[in-house]
Amino acid sequence: MTLAQTLARTTAEAGRQLLRLSGVPHALSSDNEGGLIPICPLGPEHVPAMKVHMLALAPHDRYLRFGYAATDEQINRYIDGLKFGTDEIYGIFNRNLDIVAMAHLAIMKEPGRPSIAEFGVSVKSSARGRGYGARLFERAVMHARNAKVSQIYIHALSENAPMIRIARKSGATLERDGSETEAYLSLPKRNLDSRVTELVADQFAKTNYSIKEDAKKFWDFLAQVQEIRKGVREGRHQSAE
């Protein structure tokens, strides 16, 4: 996506967000209609939400994500071991600020050798079919390119059709070895367009998250007020009896 396309889509998406929150029905197109999906870089403050997302994965989904049937203990250990200083972790949030899709870009740098990165992704079962995995991969590619990574690597089980499809569609070279498939995607060098596009994408994601956070606080506050009013009415009714 070019800088001009990103700016145009971001402006349009921001307008739809504001209209929706203002009460205009159907102002925001659905995620599978090609709208810009806000993808947030995740930090240590998001660890609890990340654990909720990963631990909610079904056994087969865990098997596809990690290549083995990861236990709760192994998932907790995996998240606690994330290197936020070097790796990039991205998430897509719903209106309740739950993570519905999450990607991990593990960047490996060694002196004297080209940098490479490994990509992994998980999507909540109820959020599949919306292209979240592909969008997260595009976002990871953008960052890897700007971080001077020369190649992205994907290791997946051969039965993991969605991941294989993402890799193939991106133009990656696929090598299948029985039950496992490896994909390699060489990246072009970064330029001004790629760097500014990432900045715009990050700013849009932060703004979107802030809007959702403020909206959630408002509705939570309103629910508390309604609960208090309900309790007061019930108390008056009981006193009248």
C-alpha atoms as a PDB file:
ATOM      1  CA  MET A   1       0.000   0.000   0.000  1.00  0.00           C
ATOM      2  CA  THR A   2       1.376   3.433  -0.907  1.00  0.00           C
ATOM      3  CA  LEU A   3       1.496   6.436   1.389  1.00  0.00           C
ATOM      4  CA  ALA A   4      -1.272   8.192  -0.538  1.00  0.00           C
ATOM      5  CA  GLN A   5      -3.529   5.132  -0.275  1.00  0.00           C
ATOM      6  CA  THR A   6      -2.882   4.814   3.455  1.00  0.00           C
ATOM      7  CA  LEU A   7      -3.635   8.483   4.109  1.00  0.00           C
ATOM      8  CA  ALA A   8      -6.841   8.327   2.080  1.00  0.00           C
ATOM      9  CA  ARG A   9      -8.074   5.155   3.749  1.00  0.00           C
ATOM     10  CA  THR A  10      -7.123   6.410   7.208  1.00  0.00           C
ATOM     11  CA  THR A  11      -9.045   9.652   6.711  1.00  0.00           C
ATOM     12  CA  ALA A  12     -12.127   7.821   5.454  1.00  0.00           C
ATOM     13  CA  GLU A  13     -11.962   5.258   8.244  1.00  0.00           C
ATOM     14  CA  ALA A  14     -11.628   7.929  10.929  1.00  0.00           C
ATOM     15  CA  GLY A  15     -14.727   9.634   9.564  1.00  0.00           C
ATOM     16  CA  ARG A  16     -16.715   6.393   9.679  1.00  0.00           C
ATOM     17  CA  GLN A  17     -15.574   5.749  13.253  1.00  0.00           C
ATOM     18  CA  LEU A  18     -16.775   9.175  14.377  1.00  0.00           C
ATOM     19  CA  LEU A  19     -20.094   8.768  12.587  1.00  0.00           C
ATOM     20  CA  ARG A  20     -20.686   5.368  14.136  1.00  0.00           C
ATOM     21  CA  LEU A  21     -19.939   6.624  17.642  1.00  0.00           C
ATOM     22  CA  SER A  22     -22.246   9.562  16.975  1.00  0.00           C
ATOM     23  CA  GLY A  23     -25.092   7.124  16.400  1.00  0.00           C
ATOM     24  CA  VAL A  24     -25.267   7.052  12.600  1.00  0.00           C
ATOM     25  CA  PRO A  25     -26.252   3.467  11.661  1.00  0.00           C
ATOM     26  CA  HIS A  26     -24.120   1.430   9.231  1.00  0.00           C
ATOM     27  CA  ALA A  27     -21.577   4.229   9.037  1.00  0.00           C
ATOM     28  CA  LEU A  28     -18.651   1.868   9.430  1.00  0.00           C
ATOM     29  CA  SER A  29     -18.119  -0.837   6.815  1.00  0.00           C
ATOM     30  CA  SER A  30     -17.432  -4.360   8.009  1.00  0.00           C
ATOM     31  CA  ASP A  31     -13.883  -5.629   8.284  1.00  0.00           C
ATOM     32  CA  ASN A  32     -14.124  -7.874   5.256  1.00  0.00           C
ATOM     33  CA  GLU A  33     -15.187  -5.059   2.944  1.00  0.00           C
ATOM     34  CA  GLY A  34     -11.649  -3.802   2.500  1.00  0.00           C
ATOM     35  CA  GLY A  35     -11.651  -1.166   5.223  1.00  0.00           C
ATOM     36  CA  LEU A  36      -8.479  -0.264   7.050  1.00  0.00           C
ATOM     37  CA  ILE A  37      -8.076  -2.540  10.071  1.00  0.00           C
ATOM     38  CA  PRO A  38      -6.410  -0.899  13.092  1.00  0.00           C
ATOM     39  CA  ILE A  39      -3.445  -3.048  14.123  1.00  0.00           C
ATOM     40  CA  CYS A  40      -1.854  -2.053  17.426  1.00  0.00           C
ATOM     41  CA  PRO A  41       1.731  -2.731  18.466  1.00  0.00           C
ATOM     42  CA  LEU A  42       1.514  -4.561  21.798  1.00  0.00           C
ATOM     43  CA  GLY A  43       3.689  -3.952  24.841  1.00  0.00           C
ATOM     44  CA  PRO A  44       4.140  -5.376  28.339  1.00  0.00           C
ATOM     45  CA  GLU A  45       0.950  -3.602  29.452  1.00  0.00           C
ATOM     46  CA  HIS A  46      -1.014  -5.856  27.104  1.00  0.00           C
ATOM     47  CA  VAL A  47       0.341  -9.140  28.538  1.00  0.00           C
ATOM     48  CA  PRO A  48      -2.877  -9.959  30.494  1.00  0.00           C
ATOM     49  CA  ALA A  49      -5.013  -9.489  27.354  1.00  0.00           C
ATOM     50  CA  MET A  50      -2.532 -11.529  25.327  1.00  0.00           C
ATOM     51  CA  LYS A  51      -2.768 -14.404  27.775  1.00  0.00           C
ATOM     52  CA  VAL A  52      -6.564 -14.315  27.679  1.00  0.00           C
ATOM     53  CA  HIS A  53      -6.445 -14.507  23.880  1.00  0.00           C
ATOM     54  CA  MET A  54      -3.905 -17.312  23.664  1.00  0.00           C
ATOM     55  CA  LEU A  55      -5.360 -19.402  26.488  1.00  0.00           C
ATOM     56  CA  ALA A  56      -8.789 -19.241  24.834  1.00  0.00           C
ATOM     57  CA  LEU A  57      -7.460 -21.035  21.752  1.00  0.00           C
ATOM     58  CA  ALA A  58      -8.890 -24.521  21.246  1.00  0.00           C
ATOM     59  CA  PRO A  59      -6.455 -27.481  21.440  1.00  0.00           C
ATOM     60  CA  HIS A  60      -6.306 -27.866  17.646  1.00  0.00           C
ATOM     61  CA  ASP A  61      -5.707 -24.124  17.186  1.00  0.00           C
ATOM     62  CA  ARG A  62      -2.848 -24.306  19.671  1.00  0.00           C
ATOM     63  CA  TYR A  63      -1.443 -27.238  17.729  1.00  0.00           C
ATOM     64  CA  LEU A  64      -1.534 -25.270  14.460  1.00  0.00           C
ATOM     65  CA  ARG A  65      -0.059 -22.142  16.065  1.00  0.00           C
ATOM     66  CA  PHE A  66       2.867 -23.766  17.865  1.00  0.00           C
ATOM     67  CA  GLY A  67       3.272 -27.059  16.039  1.00  0.00           C
ATOM     68  CA  TYR A  68       2.418 -28.972  19.203  1.00  0.00           C
ATOM     69  CA  ALA A  69      -0.481 -29.182  21.643  1.00  0.00           C
ATOM     70  CA  ALA A  70       0.655 -26.342  23.912  1.00  0.00           C
ATOM     71  CA  THR A  71      -0.545 -26.492  27.514  1.00  0.00           C
ATOM     72  CA  ASP A  72      -1.653 -23.469  29.519  1.00  0.00           C
ATOM     73  CA  GLU A  73       1.700 -23.489  31.302  1.00  0.00           C
ATOM     74  CA  GLN A  74       3.613 -23.497  28.013  1.00  0.00           C
ATOM     75  CA  ILE A  75       1.509 -20.636  26.635  1.00  0.00           C
ATOM     76  CA  ASN A  76       2.056 -18.551  29.769  1.00  0.00           C
ATOM     77  CA  ARG A  77       5.779 -19.246  29.553  1.00  0.00           C
ATOM     78  CA  TYR A  78       5.804 -18.282  25.869  1.00  0.00           C
ATOM     79  CA  ILE A  79       4.123 -14.917  26.519  1.00  0.00           C
ATOM     80  CA  ASP A  80       6.259 -14.175  29.571  1.00  0.00           C
ATOM     81  CA  GLY A  81       9.328 -14.796  27.421  1.00  0.00           C
ATOM     82  CA  LEU A  82       8.427 -12.368  24.629  1.00  0.00           C
ATOM     83  CA  LYS A  83      11.218  -9.913  23.822  1.00  0.00           C
ATOM     84  CA  PHE A  84       9.376  -6.612  23.578  1.00  0.00           C
ATOM     85  CA  GLY A  85      12.627  -4.742  23.102  1.00  0.00           C
ATOM     86  CA  THR A  86      13.553  -6.498  19.855  1.00  0.00           C
ATOM     87  CA  ASP A  87      10.510  -8.396  18.608  1.00  0.00           C
ATOM     88  CA  GLU A  88       7.245  -6.889  17.412  1.00  0.00           C
ATOM     89  CA  ILE A  89       3.865  -8.118  18.626  1.00  0.00           C
ATOM     90  CA  TYR A  90       0.666  -6.867  17.034  1.00  0.00           C
ATOM     91  CA  GLY A  91      -2.965  -7.190  18.015  1.00  0.00           C
ATOM     92  CA  ILE A  92      -6.418  -6.469  16.654  1.00  0.00           C
ATOM     93  CA  PHE A  93      -8.942  -5.458  19.328  1.00  0.00           C
ATOM     94  CA  ASN A  94     -12.718  -5.648  19.290  1.00  0.00           C
ATOM     95  CA  ARG A  95     -15.018  -3.025  20.846  1.00  0.00           C
ATOM     96  CA  ASN A  96     -14.578  -4.573  24.285  1.00  0.00           C
ATOM     97  CA  LEU A  97     -10.786  -4.264  23.940  1.00  0.00           C
ATOM     98  CA  ASP A  98     -10.363  -8.022  23.744  1.00  0.00           C
ATOM     99  CA  ILE A  99      -7.619  -9.249  21.417  1.00  0.00           C
ATOM    100  CA  VAL A 100      -9.250 -11.185  18.585  1.00  0.00           C
ATOM    101  CA  ALA A 101      -6.075 -11.668  16.523  1.00  0.00           C
ATOM    102  CA  MET A 102      -2.407 -11.508  17.434  1.00  0.00           C
ATOM    103  CA  ALA A 103       0.866 -11.802  15.547  1.00  0.00           C
ATOM    104  CA  HIS A 104       4.466 -12.221  16.671  1.00  0.00           C
ATOM    105  CA  LEU A 105       7.381 -11.079  14.540  1.00  0.00           C
ATOM    106  CA  ALA A 106      10.565 -12.502  16.055  1.00  0.00           C
ATOM    107  CA  ILE A 107      13.533 -10.584  14.661  1.00  0.00           C
ATOM    108  CA  MET A 108      16.925 -12.294  14.605  1.00  0.00           C
ATOM    109  CA  LYS A 109      20.030 -10.190  14.118  1.00  0.00           C
ATOM    110  CA  GLU A 110      23.580 -11.499  14.097  1.00  0.00           C
ATOM    111  CA  PRO A 111      26.714  -9.442  13.430  1.00  0.00           C
ATOM    112  CA  GLY A 112      27.883  -9.798   9.862  1.00  0.00           C
ATOM    113  CA  ARG A 113      24.732 -11.563   8.673  1.00  0.00           C
ATOM    114  CA  PRO A 114      21.509 -10.284   7.068  1.00  0.00           C
ATOM    115  CA  SER A 115      18.675  -9.910   9.577  1.00  0.00           C
ATOM    116  CA  ILE A 116      15.751 -12.317   9.283  1.00  0.00           C
ATOM    117  CA  ALA A 117      12.415 -12.579  11.092  1.00  0.00           C
ATOM    118  CA  GLU A 118       9.936 -15.344  11.875  1.00  0.00           C
ATOM    119  CA  PHE A 119       6.186 -14.707  11.724  1.00  0.00           C
ATOM    120  CA  GLY A 120       3.438 -16.427  13.699  1.00  0.00           C
ATOM    121  CA  VAL A 121      -0.251 -15.564  14.068  1.00  0.00           C
ATOM    122  CA  SER A 122      -3.373 -16.651  15.931  1.00  0.00           C
ATOM    123  CA  VAL A 123      -6.989 -15.608  15.345  1.00  0.00           C
ATOM    124  CA  LYS A 124      -9.963 -16.164  17.624  1.00  0.00           C
ATOM    125  CA  SER A 125     -12.365 -18.677  16.098  1.00  0.00           C
ATOM    126  CA  SER A 126     -15.280 -16.216  16.083  1.00  0.00           C
ATOM    127  CA  ALA A 127     -13.179 -13.634  14.189  1.00  0.00           C
ATOM    128  CA  ARG A 128     -12.027 -15.814  11.318  1.00  0.00           C
ATOM    129  CA  GLY A 129     -12.916 -15.243   7.695  1.00  0.00           C
ATOM    130  CA  ARG A 130     -12.246 -11.491   7.928  1.00  0.00           C
ATOM    131  CA  GLY A 131      -8.694 -11.499   6.604  1.00  0.00           C
ATOM    132  CA  TYR A 132      -7.107 -10.649   9.945  1.00  0.00           C
ATOM    133  CA  GLY A 133      -4.232 -13.078   9.490  1.00  0.00           C
ATOM    134  CA  ALA A 134      -3.320 -11.613   6.108  1.00  0.00           C
ATOM    135  CA  ARG A 135      -3.559  -8.041   7.399  1.00  0.00           C
ATOM    136  CA  LEU A 136      -1.309  -8.866  10.343  1.00  0.00           C
ATOM    137  CA  PHE A 137       1.205 -10.402   7.975  1.00  0.00           C
ATOM    138  CA  GLU A 138       1.155  -7.263   5.814  1.00  0.00           C
ATOM    139  CA  ARG A 139       1.762  -5.169   8.926  1.00  0.00           C
ATOM    140  CA  ALA A 140       4.637  -7.391  10.015  1.00  0.00           C
ATOM    141  CA  VAL A 141       6.199  -7.196   6.558  1.00  0.00           C
ATOM    142  CA  MET A 142       5.987  -3.407   6.680  1.00  0.00           C
ATOM    143  CA  HIS A 143       7.832  -3.235   9.990  1.00  0.00           C
ATOM    144  CA  ALA A 144      10.385  -5.874   9.033  1.00  0.00           C
ATOM    145  CA  ARG A 145      11.213  -3.966   5.888  1.00  0.00           C
ATOM    146  CA  ASN A 146      11.664  -0.719   7.803  1.00  0.00           C
ATOM    147  CA  ALA A 147      13.794  -2.536  10.398  1.00  0.00           C
ATOM    148  CA  LYS A 148      16.165  -3.585   7.584  1.00  0.00           C
ATOM    149  CA  VAL A 149      15.151  -7.238   7.752  1.00  0.00           C
ATOM    150  CA  SER A 150      16.028  -8.986   4.520  1.00  0.00           C
ATOM    151  CA  GLN A 151      13.754 -12.010   4.783  1.00  0.00           C
ATOM    152  CA  ILE A 152      10.653 -13.187   6.645  1.00  0.00           C
ATOM    153  CA  TYR A 153      10.420 -16.852   7.523  1.00  0.00           C
ATOM    154  CA  ILE A 154       7.276 -18.852   8.283  1.00  0.00           C
ATOM    155  CA  HIS A 155       7.322 -22.353   9.727  1.00  0.00           C
ATOM    156  CA  ALA A 156       3.911 -24.009   9.658  1.00  0.00           C
ATOM    157  CA  LEU A 157       2.317 -27.411   9.661  1.00  0.00           C
ATOM    158  CA  SER A 158       1.367 -28.432   6.135  1.00  0.00           C
ATOM    159  CA  GLU A 159      -2.248 -28.822   7.280  1.00  0.00           C
ATOM    160  CA  ASN A 160      -2.362 -25.156   8.333  1.00  0.00           C
ATOM    161  CA  ALA A 161      -4.095 -24.065   5.127  1.00  0.00           C
ATOM    162  CA  PRO A 162      -4.754 -20.404   6.149  1.00  0.00           C
ATOM    163  CA  MET A 163      -1.089 -19.798   6.944  1.00  0.00           C
ATOM    164  CA  ILE A 164       0.104 -21.519   3.781  1.00  0.00           C
ATOM    165  CA  ARG A 165      -2.379 -19.448   1.777  1.00  0.00           C
ATOM    166  CA  ILE A 166      -1.082 -16.205   3.314  1.00  0.00           C
ATOM    167  CA  ALA A 167       2.507 -17.143   2.499  1.00  0.00           C
ATOM    168  CA  ARG A 168       1.707 -18.207  -1.054  1.00  0.00           C
ATOM    169  CA  LYS A 169      -0.348 -15.080  -1.759  1.00  0.00           C
ATOM    170  CA  SER A 170       2.520 -12.871  -0.580  1.00  0.00           C
ATOM    171  CA  GLY A 171       4.840 -14.427  -3.153  1.00  0.00           C
ATOM    172  CA  ALA A 172       6.899 -16.392  -0.661  1.00  0.00           C
ATOM    173  CA  THR A 173       8.911 -19.438  -1.685  1.00  0.00           C
ATOM    174  CA  LEU A 174       7.403 -22.571  -0.125  1.00  0.00           C
ATOM    175  CA  GLU A 175       9.274 -25.741   0.742  1.00  0.00           C
ATOM    176  CA  ARG A 176       7.245 -28.696   1.976  1.00  0.00           C
ATOM    177  CA  ASP A 177       8.790 -31.518   3.965  1.00  0.00           C
ATOM    178  CA  GLY A 178       6.080 -33.985   4.862  1.00  0.00           C
ATOM    179  CA  SER A 179       3.935 -32.629   7.686  1.00  0.00           C
ATOM    180  CA  GLU A 180       5.790 -29.306   7.795  1.00  0.00           C
ATOM    181  CA  THR A 181       6.108 -26.398   5.373  1.00  0.00           C
ATOM    182  CA  GLU A 182       8.591 -23.557   5.386  1.00  0.00           C
ATOM    183  CA  ALA A 183       8.080 -20.283   3.549  1.00  0.00           C
ATOM    184  CA  TYR A 184      10.620 -17.565   2.771  1.00  0.00           C
ATOM    185  CA  LEU A 185       9.785 -14.055   1.621  1.00  0.00           C
ATOM    186  CA  SER A 186      12.582 -11.699   0.557  1.00  0.00           C
ATOM    187  CA  LEU A 187      11.862  -8.056   1.371  1.00  0.00           C
ATOM    188  CA  PRO A 188      12.737  -4.922  -0.592  1.00  0.00           C
ATOM    189  CA  LYS A 189      14.738  -2.172   1.064  1.00  0.00           C
ATOM    190  CA  ARG A 190      12.883   0.435   3.054  1.00  0.00           C
ATOM    191  CA  ASN A 191      12.181   3.871   1.604  1.00  0.00           C
ATOM    192  CA  LEU A 192      10.485   7.090   2.677  1.00  0.00           C
ATOM    193  CA  ASP A 193       7.072   5.812   1.609  1.00  0.00           C
ATOM    194  CA  SER A 194       7.342   2.613   3.694  1.00  0.00           C
ATOM    195  CA  ARG A 195       8.536   4.472   6.783  1.00  0.00           C
ATOM    196  CA  VAL A 196       5.867   7.190   6.686  1.00  0.00           C
ATOM    197  CA  THR A 197       3.171   4.612   5.910  1.00  0.00           C
ATOM    198  CA  GLU A 198       4.099   2.699   9.071  1.00  0.00           C
ATOM    199  CA  LEU A 199       3.935   5.891  11.129  1.00  0.00           C
ATOM    200  CA  VAL A 200       0.468   6.678   9.760  1.00  0.00           C
ATOM    201  CA  ALA A 201      -0.734   3.117  10.371  1.00  0.00           C
ATOM    202  CA  ASP A 202       0.511   3.216  13.970  1.00  0.00           C
ATOM    203  CA  GLN A 203      -1.118   6.577  14.634  1.00  0.00           C
ATOM    204  CA  PHE A 204      -4.434   5.374  13.232  1.00  0.00           C
ATOM    205  CA  ALA A 205      -4.279   2.249  15.425  1.00  0.00           C
ATOM    206  CA  LYS A 206      -3.532   4.307  18.544  1.00  0.00           C
ATOM    207  CA  THR A 207      -6.390   6.708  17.774  1.00  0.00           C
ATOM    208  CA  ASN A 208      -8.787   3.827  17.157  1.00  0.00           C
ATOM    209  CA  TYR A 209      -7.780   2.152  20.420  1.00  0.00           C
ATOM    210  CA  SER A 210      -8.251   5.423  22.311  1.00  0.00           C
ATOM    211  CA  ILE A 211     -11.749   5.824  20.838  1.00  0.00           C
ATOM    212  CA  LYS A 212     -12.689   2.264  21.823  1.00  0.00           C
ATOM    213  CA  GLU A 213     -11.217   2.767  25.287  1.00  0.00           C
ATOM    214  CA  ASP A 214     -13.193   5.975  25.888  1.00  0.00           C
ATOM    215  CA  ALA A 215     -16.381   4.385  24.527  1.00  0.00           C
ATOM    216  CA  LYS A 216     -15.949   1.350  26.771  1.00  0.00           C
ATOM    217  CA  LYS A 217     -15.423   3.558  29.838  1.00  0.00           C
ATOM    218  CA  PHE A 218     -18.575   5.508  28.995  1.00  0.00           C
ATOM    219  CA  TRP A 219     -20.748   2.426  28.535  1.00  0.00           C
ATOM    220  CA  ASP A 220     -19.313   0.795  31.672  1.00  0.00           C
ATOM    221  CA  PHE A 221     -20.083   3.971  33.627  1.00  0.00           C
ATOM    222  CA  LEU A 222     -23.598   4.105  32.172  1.00  0.00           C
ATOM    223  CA  ALA A 223     -24.181   0.458  33.117  1.00  0.00           C
ATOM    224  CA  GLN A 224     -23.099   1.214  36.693  1.00  0.00           C
ATOM    225  CA  VAL A 225     -25.469   4.192  36.873  1.00  0.00           C
ATOM    226  CA  GLN A 226     -28.343   2.071  35.597  1.00  0.00           C
ATOM    227  CA  GLU A 227     -27.525  -0.639  38.130  1.00  0.00           C
ATOM    228  CA  ILE A 228     -27.558   1.919  40.939  1.00  0.00           C
ATOM    229  CA  ARG A 229     -30.885   3.355  39.747  1.00  0.00           C
ATOM    230  CA  LYS A 230     -32.321  -0.157  39.572  1.00  0.00           C
ATOM    231  CA  GLY A 231     -31.207  -0.826  43.140  1.00  0.00           C
ATOM    232  CA  VAL A 232     -32.744   2.443  44.334  1.00  0.00           C
ATOM    233  CA  ARG A 233     -36.078   1.646  42.633  1.00  0.00           C
ATOM    234  CA  GLU A 234     -36.144  -1.854  44.126  1.00  0.00           C
ATOM    235  CA  GLY A 235     -35.339  -0.397  47.554  1.00  0.00           C
ATOM    236  CA  ARG A 236     -38.208   2.087  47.290  1.00  0.00           C
ATOM    237  CA  HIS A 237     -40.564  -0.658  46.172  1.00  0.00           C
ATOM    238  CA  GLN A 238     -39.666  -2.847  49.124  1.00  0.00           C
ATOM    239  CA  SER A 239     -40.060   0.117  51.523  1.00  0.00           C
ATOM    240  CA  ALA A 240     -43.527   0.833  50.103  1.00  0.00           C
ATOM    241  CA  GLU A 241     -44.571  -2.730  50.856  1.00  0.00           C
END
